[in-house]
Amino acid sequence: MIVVIGTGVLFVGMTVAEKKGWLDLDFEKVEAVVKIGMSAGIAGGLLYFISKLPMMFL
């Protein structure tokens, strides 16, 4: 849930920055940001799962 909210905030922020002229976004930049964000979200989820795993079996 937090990852979905964070991704939404990222997209809204990128849209606002693009409209105000702060960023010059193209497809490659957006794709890189999305891939990095998805990778970070997956890694965070896995780390959380691994940290909770001992509690499930002990």
N, C-alpha and C. Protein backbone atom coordinates (compact mmCIF):
# COMPACT_ATOMS: atom_id res chain seq x y z
N MET A 1 0.82 -1.19 0.00
CA MET A 1 0.00 0.00 0.00
C MET A 1 0.87 1.26 0.00
N ILE A 2 1.90 1.25 0.82
CA ILE A 2 2.79 2.42 0.90
C ILE A 2 3.51 2.62 -0.43
N VAL A 3 3.87 1.52 -1.08
CA VAL A 3 4.57 1.63 -2.37
C VAL A 3 3.65 2.25 -3.42
N VAL A 4 2.40 1.85 -3.42
CA VAL A 4 1.43 2.40 -4.39
C VAL A 4 1.24 3.90 -4.15
N ILE A 5 1.10 4.29 -2.88
CA ILE A 5 0.93 5.71 -2.56
C ILE A 5 2.18 6.49 -2.96
N GLY A 6 3.36 5.93 -2.65
CA GLY A 6 4.61 6.59 -3.01
C GLY A 6 4.77 6.76 -4.50
N THR A 7 4.39 5.74 -5.27
CA THR A 7 4.47 5.83 -6.72
C THR A 7 3.51 6.89 -7.25
N GLY A 8 2.31 6.95 -6.68
CA GLY A 8 1.35 7.97 -7.09
C GLY A 8 1.86 9.37 -6.81
N VAL A 9 2.45 9.55 -5.63
CA VAL A 9 3.01 10.87 -5.29
C VAL A 9 4.15 11.22 -6.24
N LEU A 10 4.98 10.24 -6.58
CA LEU A 10 6.08 10.47 -7.52
C LEU A 10 5.54 10.94 -8.88
N PHE A 11 4.52 10.27 -9.39
CA PHE A 11 3.96 10.64 -10.69
C PHE A 11 3.32 12.02 -10.65
N VAL A 12 2.62 12.32 -9.57
CA VAL A 12 2.00 13.65 -9.44
C VAL A 12 3.09 14.71 -9.37
N GLY A 13 4.14 14.44 -8.59
CA GLY A 13 5.25 15.39 -8.49
C GLY A 13 5.93 15.62 -9.82
N MET A 14 6.14 14.54 -10.58
CA MET A 14 6.76 14.67 -11.90
C MET A 14 5.87 15.48 -12.84
N THR A 15 4.56 15.27 -12.76
CA THR A 15 3.62 16.00 -13.61
C THR A 15 3.64 17.49 -13.27
N VAL A 16 3.61 17.82 -11.98
CA VAL A 16 3.65 19.23 -11.56
C VAL A 16 4.95 19.88 -12.00
N ALA A 17 6.08 19.17 -11.81
CA ALA A 17 7.38 19.72 -12.20
C ALA A 17 7.46 19.93 -13.71
N GLU A 18 6.88 19.02 -14.47
CA GLU A 18 6.88 19.16 -15.93
C GLU A 18 6.04 20.37 -16.36
N LYS A 19 4.87 20.56 -15.73
CA LYS A 19 4.00 21.68 -16.08
C LYS A 19 4.65 23.02 -15.74
N LYS A 20 5.40 23.08 -14.64
CA LYS A 20 6.04 24.33 -14.24
C LYS A 20 7.36 24.57 -14.96
N GLY A 21 7.81 23.60 -15.73
CA GLY A 21 9.02 23.77 -16.50
C GLY A 21 10.30 23.46 -15.72
N TRP A 22 10.17 22.80 -14.58
CA TRP A 22 11.35 22.46 -13.78
C TRP A 22 12.10 21.27 -14.37
N LEU A 23 11.38 20.40 -15.05
CA LEU A 23 11.98 19.20 -15.63
C LEU A 23 11.75 19.17 -17.14
N ASP A 24 12.68 18.57 -17.82
CA ASP A 24 12.50 18.30 -19.24
C ASP A 24 12.50 16.78 -19.38
N LEU A 25 11.30 16.20 -19.23
CA LEU A 25 11.18 14.75 -19.19
C LEU A 25 10.99 14.19 -20.60
N ASP A 26 11.60 13.07 -20.82
CA ASP A 26 11.34 12.30 -22.02
C ASP A 26 11.10 10.86 -21.59
N PHE A 27 10.83 10.01 -22.54
CA PHE A 27 10.45 8.63 -22.23
C PHE A 27 11.54 7.89 -21.48
N GLU A 28 12.80 8.09 -21.86
CA GLU A 28 13.90 7.36 -21.21
C GLU A 28 14.04 7.75 -19.74
N LYS A 29 13.91 9.04 -19.43
CA LYS A 29 14.02 9.49 -18.04
C LYS A 29 12.88 8.92 -17.19
N VAL A 30 11.67 8.99 -17.72
CA VAL A 30 10.52 8.47 -16.99
C VAL A 30 10.66 6.97 -16.78
N GLU A 31 11.10 6.27 -17.81
CA GLU A 31 11.28 4.83 -17.70
C GLU A 31 12.33 4.48 -16.64
N ALA A 32 13.41 5.23 -16.59
CA ALA A 32 14.45 4.99 -15.60
C ALA A 32 13.93 5.23 -14.19
N VAL A 33 13.19 6.31 -13.99
CA VAL A 33 12.63 6.60 -12.66
C VAL A 33 11.66 5.52 -12.23
N VAL A 34 10.81 5.07 -13.15
CA VAL A 34 9.84 4.03 -12.82
C VAL A 34 10.55 2.73 -12.47
N LYS A 35 11.57 2.36 -13.24
CA LYS A 35 12.29 1.12 -12.96
C LYS A 35 13.01 1.18 -11.62
N ILE A 36 13.64 2.32 -11.33
CA ILE A 36 14.33 2.46 -10.04
C ILE A 36 13.32 2.40 -8.90
N GLY A 37 12.20 3.07 -9.05
CA GLY A 37 11.17 3.06 -8.02
C GLY A 37 10.59 1.67 -7.80
N MET A 38 10.34 0.95 -8.88
CA MET A 38 9.81 -0.40 -8.75
C MET A 38 10.83 -1.31 -8.09
N SER A 39 12.09 -1.18 -8.47
CA SER A 39 13.14 -2.00 -7.86
C SER A 39 13.28 -1.72 -6.37
N ALA A 40 13.22 -0.44 -6.01
CA ALA A 40 13.31 -0.07 -4.60
C ALA A 40 12.11 -0.60 -3.82
N GLY A 41 10.94 -0.53 -4.39
CA GLY A 41 9.74 -1.05 -3.73
C GLY A 41 9.79 -2.55 -3.54
N ILE A 42 10.25 -3.26 -4.55
CA ILE A 42 10.37 -4.71 -4.45
C ILE A 42 11.42 -5.08 -3.42
N ALA A 43 12.55 -4.39 -3.45
CA ALA A 43 13.61 -4.67 -2.48
C ALA A 43 13.13 -4.37 -1.06
N GLY A 44 12.43 -3.28 -0.86
CA GLY A 44 11.90 -2.96 0.46
C GLY A 44 10.91 -3.99 0.94
N GLY A 45 10.04 -4.43 0.05
CA GLY A 45 9.08 -5.47 0.41
C GLY A 45 9.74 -6.78 0.77
N LEU A 46 10.75 -7.15 0.02
CA LEU A 46 11.48 -8.39 0.33
C LEU A 46 12.23 -8.29 1.65
N LEU A 47 12.87 -7.15 1.90
CA LEU A 47 13.57 -6.98 3.17
C LEU A 47 12.60 -7.04 4.35
N TYR A 48 11.43 -6.44 4.20
CA TYR A 48 10.43 -6.50 5.26
C TYR A 48 9.97 -7.95 5.48
N PHE A 49 9.72 -8.67 4.39
CA PHE A 49 9.29 -10.07 4.48
C PHE A 49 10.36 -10.91 5.15
N ILE A 50 11.62 -10.72 4.76
CA ILE A 50 12.70 -11.50 5.35
C ILE A 50 12.86 -11.18 6.83
N SER A 51 12.67 -9.92 7.21
CA SER A 51 12.79 -9.56 8.63
C SER A 51 11.66 -10.16 9.45
N LYS A 52 10.48 -10.36 8.88
CA LYS A 52 9.33 -10.93 9.59
C LYS A 52 9.30 -12.45 9.52
N LEU A 53 10.08 -13.04 8.66
CA LEU A 53 10.06 -14.49 8.45
C LEU A 53 10.40 -15.27 9.71
N PRO A 54 11.42 -14.91 10.49
CA PRO A 54 11.70 -15.69 11.71
C PRO A 54 10.54 -15.68 12.70
N MET A 55 9.80 -14.59 12.78
CA MET A 55 8.67 -14.52 13.71
C MET A 55 7.55 -15.49 13.32
N MET A 56 7.44 -15.76 12.03
CA MET A 56 6.38 -16.66 11.56
C MET A 56 6.66 -18.12 11.94
N PHE A 57 7.93 -18.48 12.02
CA PHE A 57 8.28 -19.89 12.23
C PHE A 57 8.85 -20.18 13.60
N LEU A 58 9.00 -19.17 14.44
CA LEU A 58 9.55 -19.41 15.79
C LEU A 58 8.48 -19.30 16.84
